Protein backbone atom coordinates (compact mmCIF):
# COMPACT_ATOMS: atom_id res chain seq x y z
CA MET A 1 -153.53 -17.39 -89.45
CA GLN A 2 -150.61 -15.34 -90.81
CA ARG A 3 -152.27 -12.16 -89.61
CA SER A 4 -152.60 -13.60 -86.10
CA LEU A 5 -148.94 -14.59 -86.04
CA LEU A 6 -147.91 -11.15 -87.30
CA LEU A 7 -150.06 -9.45 -84.68
CA LEU A 8 -148.59 -11.68 -81.97
CA ALA A 9 -145.05 -10.87 -83.17
CA VAL A 10 -145.75 -7.12 -83.12
CA ILE A 11 -147.26 -7.28 -79.64
CA SER A 12 -144.29 -9.33 -78.39
CA PHE A 13 -141.84 -6.84 -79.91
CA LEU A 14 -143.61 -3.88 -78.33
CA ALA A 15 -143.91 -5.60 -74.96
CA CYS A 16 -140.18 -6.41 -74.70
CA PRO A 17 -139.06 -2.92 -73.57
CA LEU A 18 -141.90 -2.82 -71.06
CA ALA A 19 -140.96 -6.25 -69.72
CA ALA A 20 -137.30 -5.23 -69.47
CA GLN A 21 -138.27 -2.18 -67.43
CA GLN A 22 -140.42 -4.25 -65.10
CA ARG A 23 -137.51 -6.58 -64.32
CA VAL A 24 -135.75 -3.89 -62.27
CA PRO A 25 -136.91 -4.55 -58.70
CA ASP A 26 -138.21 -1.70 -56.60
CA ALA A 27 -136.04 -0.35 -53.78
CA LYS A 28 -138.26 -1.70 -51.03
CA THR A 29 -138.10 -5.23 -52.47
CA VAL A 30 -134.31 -5.04 -52.82
CA LEU A 31 -133.99 -4.05 -49.16
CA GLN A 32 -136.48 -6.68 -47.96
CA GLU A 33 -134.77 -9.49 -49.89
CA ALA A 34 -131.34 -8.36 -48.69
CA CYS A 35 -132.58 -8.34 -45.07
CA LYS A 36 -134.01 -11.82 -45.49
CA GLN A 37 -130.69 -13.11 -46.83
CA ALA A 38 -128.77 -11.23 -44.12
CA ALA A 39 -130.88 -12.88 -41.42
CA LYS A 40 -130.06 -16.33 -42.82
CA GLU A 41 -126.36 -15.53 -43.09
CA LYS A 42 -126.06 -13.49 -39.86
CA LYS A 43 -124.87 -10.38 -41.67
CA ASN A 44 -125.84 -6.75 -42.08
CA VAL A 45 -127.06 -5.12 -45.29
CA PHE A 46 -124.96 -2.61 -47.24
CA ILE A 47 -127.06 -0.64 -49.75
CA ILE A 48 -125.16 1.51 -52.26
CA PHE A 49 -127.02 4.15 -54.27
CA HIS A 50 -125.21 4.52 -57.59
CA ALA A 51 -125.53 5.28 -61.31
CA SER A 52 -123.84 3.91 -64.41
CA TRP A 53 -122.15 7.25 -65.21
CA CYS A 54 -120.74 7.77 -61.70
CA GLY A 55 -116.95 7.37 -61.57
CA TRP A 56 -116.85 7.46 -57.77
CA CYS A 57 -119.51 4.73 -57.66
CA HIS A 58 -117.25 2.55 -59.81
CA LYS A 59 -114.30 3.33 -57.51
CA MET A 60 -116.41 2.25 -54.50
CA ASP A 61 -117.28 -1.06 -56.16
CA THR A 62 -113.69 -1.60 -57.28
CA ALA A 63 -112.35 -0.98 -53.77
CA MET A 64 -114.94 -3.21 -52.07
CA ASN A 65 -114.28 -5.97 -54.60
CA ASP A 66 -110.49 -5.69 -54.49
CA ALA A 67 -108.89 -9.06 -53.80
CA SER A 68 -107.29 -7.64 -50.65
CA CYS A 69 -110.59 -6.93 -48.90
CA ARG A 70 -113.49 -8.45 -50.88
CA LYS A 71 -113.87 -11.34 -48.42
CA PHE A 72 -114.20 -8.93 -45.48
CA PHE A 73 -117.22 -7.29 -47.10
CA GLN A 74 -118.70 -10.61 -48.27
CA ASP A 75 -118.37 -12.11 -44.78
CA ASN A 76 -120.08 -9.18 -43.05
CA PHE A 77 -122.60 -7.76 -45.49
CA VAL A 78 -125.23 -8.58 -48.04
CA VAL A 79 -124.32 -5.85 -50.54
CA ARG A 80 -126.97 -4.49 -52.89
CA HIS A 81 -127.07 -1.58 -55.31
CA LEU A 82 -129.93 0.78 -56.00
CA THR A 83 -129.64 2.67 -59.26
CA VAL A 84 -130.65 6.34 -59.06
CA LYS A 85 -129.97 9.62 -60.87
CA GLU A 86 -129.46 8.02 -64.27
CA ALA A 87 -129.32 10.07 -67.46
CA GLU A 88 -132.62 10.25 -69.33
CA ALA A 89 -131.54 7.59 -71.85
CA LYS A 90 -130.88 5.12 -69.03
CA LYS A 91 -133.82 5.85 -66.70
CA ASN A 92 -134.97 2.27 -67.30
CA LEU A 93 -132.02 1.09 -65.17
CA GLU A 94 -133.30 2.88 -62.07
CA ASN A 95 -134.89 0.98 -59.23
CA PRO A 96 -138.42 2.29 -58.72
CA GLY A 97 -138.60 3.98 -55.34
CA GLY A 98 -134.81 4.38 -55.19
CA GLU A 99 -134.88 8.18 -55.36
CA GLU A 100 -137.54 8.25 -52.65
CA MET A 101 -135.50 5.96 -50.39
CA LEU A 102 -132.40 8.06 -51.03
CA ALA A 103 -134.33 11.20 -50.00
CA ALA A 104 -135.92 9.50 -46.98
CA TYR A 105 -132.45 8.83 -45.56
CA GLY A 106 -131.10 12.29 -46.41
CA GLY A 107 -128.88 11.20 -49.27
CA ASP A 108 -130.53 13.20 -52.02
CA LYS A 109 -128.46 16.35 -51.57
CA GLY A 110 -124.94 15.00 -51.22
CA GLY A 111 -124.20 13.11 -54.42
CA ILE A 112 -123.50 9.46 -55.04
CA PRO A 113 -122.34 6.97 -54.11
CA PHE A 114 -124.38 7.17 -50.95
CA PHE A 115 -124.67 4.12 -48.74
CA LEU A 116 -126.76 2.83 -45.89
CA ILE A 117 -126.03 -0.03 -43.50
CA PHE A 118 -128.99 -1.89 -42.01
CA ASP A 119 -129.29 -4.80 -39.63
CA ASP A 120 -131.11 -7.91 -40.82
CA LYS A 121 -134.45 -6.49 -39.62
CA GLY A 122 -134.13 -3.33 -41.68
CA LYS A 123 -133.07 -1.04 -38.83
CA LEU A 124 -130.66 1.65 -40.01
CA LEU A 125 -127.26 1.27 -38.33
CA ALA A 126 -125.20 3.81 -40.27
CA ASP A 127 -125.06 5.97 -43.37
CA SER A 128 -122.28 7.50 -45.43
CA LYS A 129 -122.47 10.93 -43.83
CA ILE A 130 -119.63 12.40 -41.83
CA ARG A 131 -120.98 14.39 -38.91
CA THR A 132 -119.04 16.74 -36.72
CA ALA A 133 -120.13 17.74 -33.22
CA GLY A 134 -123.50 19.48 -33.39
CA ASP A 135 -123.92 18.70 -37.10
CA THR A 136 -126.94 16.45 -37.51
CA ALA A 137 -127.11 16.77 -41.32
CA GLY A 138 -123.53 15.76 -42.08
CA LYS A 139 -121.88 15.51 -45.48
CA ASN A 140 -121.73 12.46 -47.70
CA MET A 141 -118.32 10.80 -47.77
CA GLY A 142 -119.25 9.10 -51.05
CA CYS A 143 -116.49 6.68 -51.92
CA PRO A 144 -113.98 7.12 -49.09
CA ALA A 145 -110.70 8.51 -50.37
CA SER A 146 -109.41 11.34 -48.17
CA ASP A 147 -107.94 10.61 -44.74
CA GLU A 148 -111.08 12.04 -43.10
CA GLU A 149 -113.42 9.94 -45.26
CA VAL A 150 -111.46 6.72 -44.81
CA ALA A 151 -111.27 7.24 -41.04
CA ALA A 152 -115.05 7.77 -40.91
CA PHE A 153 -115.60 4.66 -43.06
CA ILE A 154 -113.39 2.53 -40.82
CA ALA A 155 -115.28 3.83 -37.76
CA LEU A 156 -118.58 2.75 -39.41
CA LEU A 157 -117.15 -0.68 -40.16
CA LYS A 158 -115.98 -1.04 -36.53
CA LYS A 159 -119.53 -0.23 -35.43
CA THR A 160 -121.33 -2.53 -37.91
CA THR A 161 -119.05 -5.56 -38.36
CA ARG A 162 -116.94 -8.09 -36.49
CA LEU A 163 -113.82 -7.11 -38.43
CA GLN A 164 -110.54 -7.22 -36.54
CA GLU A 165 -108.01 -4.36 -36.48
CA ALA A 166 -105.71 -6.08 -39.00
CA GLN A 167 -108.61 -6.53 -41.43
CA LEU A 168 -109.72 -2.93 -40.99
CA ALA A 169 -106.13 -1.82 -41.67
CA ILE A 170 -106.20 -3.67 -45.01
CA ILE A 171 -109.48 -1.97 -45.94
CA GLU A 172 -108.06 1.39 -44.86
CA THR A 173 -104.99 0.91 -47.05
CA ARG A 174 -107.10 -0.08 -50.05
CA PHE A 175 -109.52 2.83 -49.75
CA LYS A 176 -106.71 5.35 -49.34
CA LYS A 177 -105.60 4.31 -52.84
CA ASN A 178 -108.75 6.07 -54.09
CA ALA A 179 -107.15 9.41 -53.11
CA VAL A 180 -103.97 8.56 -55.04
CA ALA A 181 -106.02 7.90 -58.16
CA VAL A 182 -107.54 11.40 -57.89
CA HIS A 183 -104.27 13.36 -57.90
């Protein structure tokens, strides 16, 4: 009896890390569940590819969750994060399929954060790339901070939300603070 209990304890102990790794949902599931919620709430989906070590990813989250503009994002988007590009010691935090999704949408070469905006059916509406005339590849704006990046971000929000000019101005002001923090 004691041997059985000991064996069960050892198996449970060894299975815990495996179970913890399996709790991280795959990228496809994250997107599907976000689309389902977005359909119910009449919103779009905002997917942010990020990593725990990424300072700009933290700046993006901080700006989007700032008291001045958090409600604007909550009212218009179902926001989800996909963890990618983690250090070896934290690979267990990554969403399976996240790197593949990042690559499929051309975000694998421009750093993180990288974001995608989908409608509630999973149709891509926008990404975080700034494209100039004739440039189909574009460059990732990451967390908008420079005047060019913030202007491109506001243009994406105009295209993908019902935000009014005054609300967009508040978001613009908040994101421009990211540039101040850099200098």
